[in-house]
């Protein structure tokens, strides 16, 4: 549909294949083509899930940050780092 509309737009406005009875002012061709193109771009950018790995990482960091002072009271900083590395790797 977008391809057909783009071709018709090009035929009319670029190549000049329009009827003499058509007025050039007041037509909605350009706006209609722009609206359809924007709708296509929005659909093309959609993802299967509404979040990315980066979002999950930020959430995990924000959740874990308040626990760091408590963990440092129980374990030494080196031991905390080693435990985190064991979980991650």
PDB file of N, CA and C in Angstrom:
ATOM      1  N   UNK A   1       0.819  -1.184   0.000  1.00  0.00           N
ATOM      2  CA  UNK A   1       0.000   0.000   0.000  1.00  0.00           C
ATOM      3  C   UNK A   1       0.868   1.255   0.000  1.00  0.00           C
ATOM      4  N   UNK A   2       1.890   1.275   0.859  1.00  0.00           N
ATOM      5  CA  UNK A   2       2.781   2.435   0.913  1.00  0.00           C
ATOM      6  C   UNK A   2       3.524   2.595  -0.410  1.00  0.00           C
ATOM      7  N   UNK A   3       3.929   1.473  -0.998  1.00  0.00           N
ATOM      8  CA  UNK A   3       4.640   1.529  -2.268  1.00  0.00           C
ATOM      9  C   UNK A   3       3.726   2.093  -3.367  1.00  0.00           C
ATOM     10  N   UNK A   4       2.476   1.620  -3.399  1.00  0.00           N
ATOM     11  CA  UNK A   4       1.528   2.115  -4.409  1.00  0.00           C
ATOM     12  C   UNK A   4       1.255   3.602  -4.233  1.00  0.00           C
ATOM     13  N   UNK A   5       1.081   4.012  -2.964  1.00  0.00           N
ATOM     14  CA  UNK A   5       0.807   5.423  -2.705  1.00  0.00           C
ATOM     15  C   UNK A   5       2.026   6.289  -3.056  1.00  0.00           C
ATOM     16  N   UNK A   6       3.225   5.783  -2.756  1.00  0.00           N
ATOM     17  CA  UNK A   6       4.447   6.517  -3.099  1.00  0.00           C
ATOM     18  C   UNK A   6       4.593   6.650  -4.613  1.00  0.00           C
ATOM     19  N   UNK A   7       4.269   5.569  -5.332  1.00  0.00           N
ATOM     20  CA  UNK A   7       4.357   5.623  -6.795  1.00  0.00           C
ATOM     21  C   UNK A   7       3.349   6.618  -7.357  1.00  0.00           C
ATOM     22  N   UNK A   8       2.114   6.582  -6.839  1.00  0.00           N
ATOM     23  CA  UNK A   8       1.094   7.528  -7.314  1.00  0.00           C
ATOM     24  C   UNK A   8       1.496   8.960  -6.995  1.00  0.00           C
ATOM     25  N   UNK A   9       2.091   9.178  -5.823  1.00  0.00           N
ATOM     26  CA  UNK A   9       2.560  10.512  -5.447  1.00  0.00           C
ATOM     27  C   UNK A   9       3.658  10.972  -6.404  1.00  0.00           C
ATOM     28  N   UNK A  10       4.611  10.074  -6.669  1.00  0.00           N
ATOM     29  CA  UNK A  10       5.695  10.422  -7.588  1.00  0.00           C
ATOM     30  C   UNK A  10       5.199  10.704  -8.990  1.00  0.00           C
ATOM     31  N   UNK A  11       4.260   9.901  -9.452  1.00  0.00           N
ATOM     32  CA  UNK A  11       3.693  10.134 -10.790  1.00  0.00           C
ATOM     33  C   UNK A  11       3.015  11.491 -10.868  1.00  0.00           C
ATOM     34  N   UNK A  12       2.289  11.832  -9.828  1.00  0.00           N
ATOM     35  CA  UNK A  12       1.517  13.076  -9.851  1.00  0.00           C
ATOM     36  C   UNK A  12       2.390  14.304  -9.634  1.00  0.00           C
ATOM     37  N   UNK A  13       3.248  14.270  -8.615  1.00  0.00           N
ATOM     38  CA  UNK A  13       3.964  15.475  -8.215  1.00  0.00           C
ATOM     39  C   UNK A  13       5.381  15.570  -8.797  1.00  0.00           C
ATOM     40  N   UNK A  14       6.029  14.480  -9.054  1.00  0.00           N
ATOM     41  CA  UNK A  14       7.397  14.523  -9.586  1.00  0.00           C
ATOM     42  C   UNK A  14       7.377  14.497 -11.113  1.00  0.00           C
ATOM     43  N   UNK A  15       6.656  13.541 -11.680  1.00  0.00           N
ATOM     44  CA  UNK A  15       6.637  13.387 -13.127  1.00  0.00           C
ATOM     45  C   UNK A  15       5.593  14.278 -13.800  1.00  0.00           C
ATOM     46  N   UNK A  16       4.663  14.808 -13.027  1.00  0.00           N
ATOM     47  CA  UNK A  16       3.661  15.710 -13.576  1.00  0.00           C
ATOM     48  C   UNK A  16       2.522  15.026 -14.298  1.00  0.00           C
ATOM     49  N   UNK A  17       2.268  13.771 -14.040  1.00  0.00           N
ATOM     50  CA  UNK A  17       1.161  13.039 -14.663  1.00  0.00           C
ATOM     51  C   UNK A  17      -0.117  13.256 -13.862  1.00  0.00           C
ATOM     52  N   UNK A  18      -0.706  14.414 -13.973  1.00  0.00           N
ATOM     53  CA  UNK A  18      -1.956  14.678 -13.272  1.00  0.00           C
ATOM     54  C   UNK A  18      -2.982  15.213 -14.256  1.00  0.00           C
ATOM     55  N   UNK A  19      -4.205  15.077 -13.871  1.00  0.00           N
ATOM     56  CA  UNK A  19      -5.276  15.539 -14.741  1.00  0.00           C
ATOM     57  C   UNK A  19      -5.365  17.070 -14.660  1.00  0.00           C
ATOM     58  N   UNK A  20      -5.784  17.690 -15.733  1.00  0.00           N
ATOM     59  CA  UNK A  20      -5.896  19.147 -15.750  1.00  0.00           C
ATOM     60  C   UNK A  20      -6.983  19.641 -14.808  1.00  0.00           C
ATOM     61  N   UNK A  21      -7.959  18.816 -14.522  1.00  0.00           N
ATOM     62  CA  UNK A  21      -9.071  19.233 -13.674  1.00  0.00           C
ATOM     63  C   UNK A  21      -8.688  19.230 -12.181  1.00  0.00           C
ATOM     64  N   UNK A  22      -7.544  18.609 -11.828  1.00  0.00           N
ATOM     65  CA  UNK A  22      -7.132  18.549 -10.434  1.00  0.00           C
ATOM     66  C   UNK A  22      -6.508  19.863 -10.003  1.00  0.00           C
ATOM     67  N   UNK A  23      -6.910  20.335  -8.838  1.00  0.00           N
ATOM     68  CA  UNK A  23      -6.299  21.536  -8.290  1.00  0.00           C
ATOM     69  C   UNK A  23      -5.021  21.143  -7.548  1.00  0.00           C
ATOM     70  N   UNK A  24      -4.008  21.974  -7.674  1.00  0.00           N
ATOM     71  CA  UNK A  24      -2.744  21.676  -7.002  1.00  0.00           C
ATOM     72  C   UNK A  24      -2.791  22.105  -5.542  1.00  0.00           C
ATOM     73  N   UNK A  25      -3.492  23.174  -5.270  1.00  0.00           N
ATOM     74  CA  UNK A  25      -3.599  23.626  -3.885  1.00  0.00           C
ATOM     75  C   UNK A  25      -4.768  22.928  -3.200  1.00  0.00           C
ATOM     76  N   UNK A  26      -4.616  22.630  -1.951  1.00  0.00           N
ATOM     77  CA  UNK A  26      -5.697  22.045  -1.183  1.00  0.00           C
ATOM     78  C   UNK A  26      -5.783  20.533  -1.247  1.00  0.00           C
ATOM     79  N   UNK A  27      -4.846  19.873  -1.903  1.00  0.00           N
ATOM     80  CA  UNK A  27      -4.882  18.412  -1.920  1.00  0.00           C
ATOM     81  C   UNK A  27      -4.192  17.874  -0.672  1.00  0.00           C
ATOM     82  N   UNK A  28      -4.637  16.719  -0.226  1.00  0.00           N
ATOM     83  CA  UNK A  28      -4.062  16.106   0.965  1.00  0.00           C
ATOM     84  C   UNK A  28      -3.031  15.051   0.647  1.00  0.00           C
ATOM     85  N   UNK A  29      -2.516  15.050  -0.571  1.00  0.00           N
ATOM     86  CA  UNK A  29      -1.578  14.001  -0.985  1.00  0.00           C
ATOM     87  C   UNK A  29      -0.328  13.962  -0.116  1.00  0.00           C
ATOM     88  N   UNK A  30       0.278  15.112   0.097  1.00  0.00           N
ATOM     89  CA  UNK A  30       1.546  15.149   0.830  1.00  0.00           C
ATOM     90  C   UNK A  30       1.321  14.733   2.278  1.00  0.00           C
ATOM     91  N   UNK A  31       0.277  15.260   2.904  1.00  0.00           N
ATOM     92  CA  UNK A  31       0.006  14.922   4.305  1.00  0.00           C
ATOM     93  C   UNK A  31      -0.362  13.455   4.451  1.00  0.00           C
ATOM     94  N   UNK A  32      -1.151  12.939   3.526  1.00  0.00           N
ATOM     95  CA  UNK A  32      -1.531  11.526   3.599  1.00  0.00           C
ATOM     96  C   UNK A  32      -0.318  10.623   3.463  1.00  0.00           C
ATOM     97  N   UNK A  33       0.572  10.953   2.552  1.00  0.00           N
ATOM     98  CA  UNK A  33       1.785  10.154   2.368  1.00  0.00           C
ATOM     99  C   UNK A  33       2.679  10.245   3.599  1.00  0.00           C
ATOM    100  N   UNK A  34       2.792  11.434   4.187  1.00  0.00           N
ATOM    101  CA  UNK A  34       3.605  11.600   5.393  1.00  0.00           C
ATOM    102  C   UNK A  34       3.009  10.811   6.562  1.00  0.00           C
ATOM    103  N   UNK A  35       1.683  10.869   6.726  1.00  0.00           N
ATOM    104  CA  UNK A  35       1.028  10.118   7.801  1.00  0.00           C
ATOM    105  C   UNK A  35       1.239   8.625   7.644  1.00  0.00           C
ATOM    106  N   UNK A  36       1.100   8.133   6.442  1.00  0.00           N
ATOM    107  CA  UNK A  36       1.284   6.709   6.193  1.00  0.00           C
ATOM    108  C   UNK A  36       2.736   6.300   6.429  1.00  0.00           C
ATOM    109  N   UNK A  37       3.670   7.133   6.011  1.00  0.00           N
ATOM    110  CA  UNK A  37       5.091   6.858   6.243  1.00  0.00           C
ATOM    111  C   UNK A  37       5.433   6.834   7.725  1.00  0.00           C
ATOM    112  N   UNK A  38       4.869   7.779   8.497  1.00  0.00           N
ATOM    113  CA  UNK A  38       5.120   7.805   9.945  1.00  0.00           C
ATOM    114  C   UNK A  38       4.520   6.585  10.630  1.00  0.00           C
ATOM    115  N   UNK A  39       3.335   6.181  10.213  1.00  0.00           N
ATOM    116  CA  UNK A  39       2.720   4.987  10.784  1.00  0.00           C
ATOM    117  C   UNK A  39       3.573   3.751  10.495  1.00  0.00           C
ATOM    118  N   UNK A  40       4.085   3.649   9.296  1.00  0.00           N
ATOM    119  CA  UNK A  40       4.948   2.528   8.927  1.00  0.00           C
ATOM    120  C   UNK A  40       6.217   2.528   9.769  1.00  0.00           C
ATOM    121  N   UNK A  41       6.805   3.712   9.992  1.00  0.00           N
ATOM    122  CA  UNK A  41       8.034   3.804  10.779  1.00  0.00           C
ATOM    123  C   UNK A  41       7.799   3.371  12.221  1.00  0.00           C
ATOM    124  N   UNK A  42       6.659   3.734  12.789  1.00  0.00           N
ATOM    125  CA  UNK A  42       6.348   3.345  14.169  1.00  0.00           C
ATOM    126  C   UNK A  42       6.200   1.838  14.280  1.00  0.00           C
ATOM    127  N   UNK A  43       5.493   1.237  13.343  1.00  0.00           N
ATOM    128  CA  UNK A  43       5.306  -0.212  13.370  1.00  0.00           C
ATOM    129  C   UNK A  43       6.637  -0.926  13.154  1.00  0.00           C
ATOM    130  N   UNK A  44       7.482  -0.387  12.309  1.00  0.00           N
ATOM    131  CA  UNK A  44       8.774  -1.005  12.020  1.00  0.00           C
ATOM    132  C   UNK A  44       9.688  -0.988  13.247  1.00  0.00           C
ATOM    133  N   UNK A  45       9.542   0.012  14.116  1.00  0.00           N
ATOM    134  CA  UNK A  45      10.385   0.124  15.304  1.00  0.00           C
ATOM    135  C   UNK A  45       9.877  -0.699  16.481  1.00  0.00           C
ATOM    136  N   UNK A  46       8.720  -1.316  16.349  1.00  0.00           N
ATOM    137  CA  UNK A  46       8.165  -2.106  17.449  1.00  0.00           C
ATOM    138  C   UNK A  46       9.008  -3.350  17.704  1.00  0.00           C
ATOM    139  N   UNK A  47       9.036  -3.760  18.985  1.00  0.00           N
ATOM    140  CA  UNK A  47       9.779  -4.948  19.381  1.00  0.00           C
ATOM    141  C   UNK A  47       8.818  -5.984  19.948  1.00  0.00           C
ATOM    142  N   UNK A  48       9.292  -7.208  20.055  1.00  0.00           N
ATOM    143  CA  UNK A  48       8.461  -8.292  20.581  1.00  0.00           C
ATOM    144  C   UNK A  48       8.174  -8.056  22.063  1.00  0.00           C
ATOM    145  N   UNK A  49       9.180  -7.635  22.810  1.00  0.00           N
ATOM    146  CA  UNK A  49       9.010  -7.308  24.223  1.00  0.00           C
ATOM    147  C   UNK A  49       9.264  -5.811  24.404  1.00  0.00           C
ATOM    148  N   UNK A  50       8.567  -5.166  25.337  1.00  0.00           N
ATOM    149  CA  UNK A  50       8.693  -3.715  25.474  1.00  0.00           C
ATOM    150  C   UNK A  50       9.909  -3.248  26.269  1.00  0.00           C
ATOM    151  N   UNK A  51      10.868  -4.132  26.506  1.00  0.00           N
ATOM    152  CA  UNK A  51      12.064  -3.757  27.243  1.00  0.00           C
ATOM    153  C   UNK A  51      13.271  -4.454  26.634  1.00  0.00           C
ATOM    154  N   UNK A  52      14.452  -3.939  26.966  1.00  0.00           N
ATOM    155  CA  UNK A  52      15.687  -4.497  26.415  1.00  0.00           C
ATOM    156  C   UNK A  52      16.562  -5.026  27.549  1.00  0.00           C
ATOM    157  N   UNK A  53      17.663  -5.620  27.177  1.00  0.00           N
ATOM    158  CA  UNK A  53      18.619  -6.120  28.165  1.00  0.00           C
ATOM    159  C   UNK A  53      19.177  -4.966  28.994  1.00  0.00           C
ATOM    160  N   UNK A  54      19.346  -3.833  28.375  1.00  0.00           N
ATOM    161  CA  UNK A  54      19.833  -2.643  29.084  1.00  0.00           C
ATOM    162  C   UNK A  54      18.850  -2.238  30.182  1.00  0.00           C
ATOM    163  N   UNK A  55      17.560  -2.297  29.903  1.00  0.00           N
ATOM    164  CA  UNK A  55      16.548  -1.973  30.911  1.00  0.00           C
ATOM    165  C   UNK A  55      16.601  -2.943  32.084  1.00  0.00           C
ATOM    166  N   UNK A  56      16.786  -4.222  31.789  1.00  0.00           N
ATOM    167  CA  UNK A  56      16.863  -5.234  32.843  1.00  0.00           C
ATOM    168  C   UNK A  56      18.101  -5.006  33.712  1.00  0.00           C
ATOM    169  N   UNK A  57      19.210  -4.656  33.085  1.00  0.00           N
ATOM    170  CA  UNK A  57      20.440  -4.391  33.820  1.00  0.00           C
ATOM    171  C   UNK A  57      20.267  -3.197  34.756  1.00  0.00           C
ATOM    172  N   UNK A  58      19.646  -2.143  34.256  1.00  0.00           N
ATOM    173  CA  UNK A  58      19.407  -0.961  35.104  1.00  0.00           C
ATOM    174  C   UNK A  58      18.501  -1.308  36.283  1.00  0.00           C
ATOM    175  N   UNK A  59      17.479  -2.084  36.043  1.00  0.00           N
ATOM    176  CA  UNK A  59      16.578  -2.474  37.121  1.00  0.00           C
ATOM    177  C   UNK A  59      17.302  -3.311  38.160  1.00  0.00           C
ATOM    178  N   UNK A  60      18.135  -4.233  37.712  1.00  0.00           N
ATOM    179  CA  UNK A  60      18.895  -5.069  38.645  1.00  0.00           C
ATOM    180  C   UNK A  60      19.864  -4.224  39.472  1.00  0.00           C
ATOM    181  N   UNK A  61      20.524  -3.274  38.834  1.00  0.00           N
ATOM    182  CA  UNK A  61      21.458  -2.404  39.557  1.00  0.00           C
ATOM    183  C   UNK A  61      20.726  -1.531  40.567  1.00  0.00           C
ATOM    184  N   UNK A  62      19.588  -0.979  40.176  1.00  0.00           N
ATOM    185  CA  UNK A  62      18.813  -0.134  41.097  1.00  0.00           C
ATOM    186  C   UNK A  62      18.259  -0.945  42.265  1.00  0.00           C
ATOM    187  N   UNK A  63      17.951  -2.203  42.024  1.00  0.00           N
ATOM    188  CA  UNK A  63      17.443  -3.067  43.088  1.00  0.00           C
ATOM    189  C   UNK A  63      18.565  -3.475  44.039  1.00  0.00           C
ATOM    190  N   UNK A  64      19.745  -3.730  43.512  1.00  0.00           N
ATOM    191  CA  UNK A  64      20.860  -4.213  44.332  1.00  0.00           C
ATOM    192  C   UNK A  64      21.584  -3.092  45.072  1.00  0.00           C
ATOM    193  N   UNK A  65      21.527  -1.874  44.580  1.00  0.00           N
ATOM    194  CA  UNK A  65      22.289  -0.777  45.173  1.00  0.00           C
ATOM    195  C   UNK A  65      21.995  -0.558  46.660  1.00  0.00           C
ATOM    196  N   UNK A  66      20.752  -0.573  47.103  1.00  0.00           N
ATOM    197  CA  UNK A  66      20.514  -0.368  48.544  1.00  0.00           C
ATOM    198  C   UNK A  66      21.045  -1.493  49.430  1.00  0.00           C
ATOM    199  N   UNK A  67      21.318  -2.652  48.865  1.00  0.00           N
ATOM    200  CA  UNK A  67      21.805  -3.781  49.649  1.00  0.00           C
ATOM    201  C   UNK A  67      23.313  -3.750  49.877  1.00  0.00           C
ATOM    202  N   UNK A  68      24.035  -2.949  49.133  1.00  0.00           N
ATOM    203  CA  UNK A  68      25.504  -2.933  49.214  1.00  0.00           C
ATOM    204  C   UNK A  68      25.988  -2.564  50.614  1.00  0.00           C
ATOM    205  N   UNK A  69      25.495  -1.500  51.256  1.00  0.00           N
ATOM    206  CA  UNK A  69      25.991  -1.209  52.618  1.00  0.00           C
ATOM    207  C   UNK A  69      25.739  -2.341  53.605  1.00  0.00           C
ATOM    208  N   UNK A  70      24.595  -3.000  53.484  1.00  0.00           N
ATOM    209  CA  UNK A  70      24.292  -4.122  54.374  1.00  0.00           C
ATOM    210  C   UNK A  70      25.257  -5.283  54.143  1.00  0.00           C
ATOM    211  N   UNK A  71      25.532  -5.573  52.887  1.00  0.00           N
ATOM    212  CA  UNK A  71      26.469  -6.663  52.576  1.00  0.00           C
ATOM    213  C   UNK A  71      27.870  -6.349  53.081  1.00  0.00           C
ATOM    214  N   UNK A  72      28.264  -5.091  53.052  1.00  0.00           N
ATOM    215  CA  UNK A  72      29.599  -4.723  53.523  1.00  0.00           C
ATOM    216  C   UNK A  72      29.713  -4.839  55.042  1.00  0.00           C
ATOM    217  N   UNK A  73      28.580  -4.805  55.747  1.00  0.00           N
ATOM    218  CA  UNK A  73      28.617  -5.043  57.185  1.00  0.00           C
ATOM    219  C   UNK A  73      28.811  -6.517  57.499  1.00  0.00           C
ATOM    220  N   UNK A  74      28.296  -7.387  56.635  1.00  0.00           N
ATOM    221  CA  UNK A  74      28.363  -8.822  56.881  1.00  0.00           C
ATOM    222  C   UNK A  74      29.658  -9.416  56.331  1.00  0.00           C
ATOM    223  N   UNK A  75      30.060  -9.032  55.124  1.00  0.00           N
ATOM    224  CA  UNK A  75      31.247  -9.567  54.478  1.00  0.00           C
ATOM    225  C   UNK A  75      32.223  -8.446  54.127  1.00  0.00           C
ATOM    226  N   UNK A  76      33.460  -8.823  53.880  1.00  0.00           N
ATOM    227  CA  UNK A  76      34.462  -7.840  53.443  1.00  0.00           C
ATOM    228  C   UNK A  76      34.198  -7.484  51.975  1.00  0.00           C
ATOM    229  N   UNK A  77      34.662  -6.313  51.515  1.00  0.00           N
ATOM    230  CA  UNK A  77      34.449  -5.926  50.111  1.00  0.00           C
ATOM    231  C   UNK A  77      34.980  -6.951  49.112  1.00  0.00           C
ATOM    232  N   UNK A  78      36.129  -7.567  49.416  1.00  0.00           N
ATOM    233  CA  UNK A  78      36.682  -8.567  48.512  1.00  0.00           C
ATOM    234  C   UNK A  78      35.761  -9.782  48.403  1.00  0.00           C
ATOM    235  N   UNK A  79      35.207 -10.199  49.548  1.00  0.00           N
ATOM    236  CA  UNK A  79      34.328 -11.361  49.548  1.00  0.00           C
ATOM    237  C   UNK A  79      33.026 -11.058  48.793  1.00  0.00           C
ATOM    238  N   UNK A  80      32.519  -9.844  48.927  1.00  0.00           N
ATOM    239  CA  UNK A  80      31.303  -9.447  48.197  1.00  0.00           C
ATOM    240  C   UNK A  80      31.568  -9.488  46.695  1.00  0.00           C
ATOM    241  N   UNK A  81      32.722  -8.957  46.275  1.00  0.00           N
ATOM    242  CA  UNK A  81      33.067  -8.940  44.849  1.00  0.00           C
ATOM    243  C   UNK A  81      33.189 -10.366  44.321  1.00  0.00           C
ATOM    244  N   UNK A  82      33.840 -11.249  45.095  1.00  0.00           N
ATOM    245  CA  UNK A  82      33.991 -12.634  44.657  1.00  0.00           C
ATOM    246  C   UNK A  82      32.630 -13.330  44.530  1.00  0.00           C
ATOM    247  N   UNK A  83      31.727 -13.095  45.455  1.00  0.00           N
ATOM    248  CA  UNK A  83      30.401 -13.710  45.388  1.00  0.00           C
ATOM    249  C   UNK A  83      29.603 -13.183  44.198  1.00  0.00           C
ATOM    250  N   UNK A  84      29.714 -11.881  43.953  1.00  0.00           N
ATOM    251  CA  UNK A  84      29.008 -11.301  42.789  1.00  0.00           C
ATOM    252  C   UNK A  84      29.559 -11.882  41.501  1.00  0.00           C
ATOM    253  N   UNK A  85      30.872 -12.020  41.396  1.00  0.00           N
ATOM    254  CA  UNK A  85      31.477 -12.586  40.199  1.00  0.00           C
ATOM    255  C   UNK A  85      31.059 -14.039  39.994  1.00  0.00           C
ATOM    256  N   UNK A  86      30.920 -14.790  41.074  1.00  0.00           N
ATOM    257  CA  UNK A  86      30.468 -16.187  40.953  1.00  0.00           C
ATOM    258  C   UNK A  86      29.048 -16.251  40.415  1.00  0.00           C
ATOM    259  N   UNK A  87      28.202 -15.317  40.841  1.00  0.00           N
ATOM    260  CA  UNK A  87      26.810 -15.298  40.383  1.00  0.00           C
ATOM    261  C   UNK A  87      26.739 -14.886  38.910  1.00  0.00           C
ATOM    262  N   UNK A  88      27.512 -13.874  38.554  1.00  0.00           N
ATOM    263  CA  UNK A  88      27.467 -13.336  37.183  1.00  0.00           C
ATOM    264  C   UNK A  88      28.094 -14.299  36.184  1.00  0.00           C
ATOM    265  N   UNK A  89      29.234 -14.880  36.543  1.00  0.00           N
ATOM    266  CA  UNK A  89      29.950 -15.747  35.621  1.00  0.00           C
ATOM    267  C   UNK A  89      29.526 -17.148  35.842  1.00  0.00           C
TER     268      UNK A  89
END
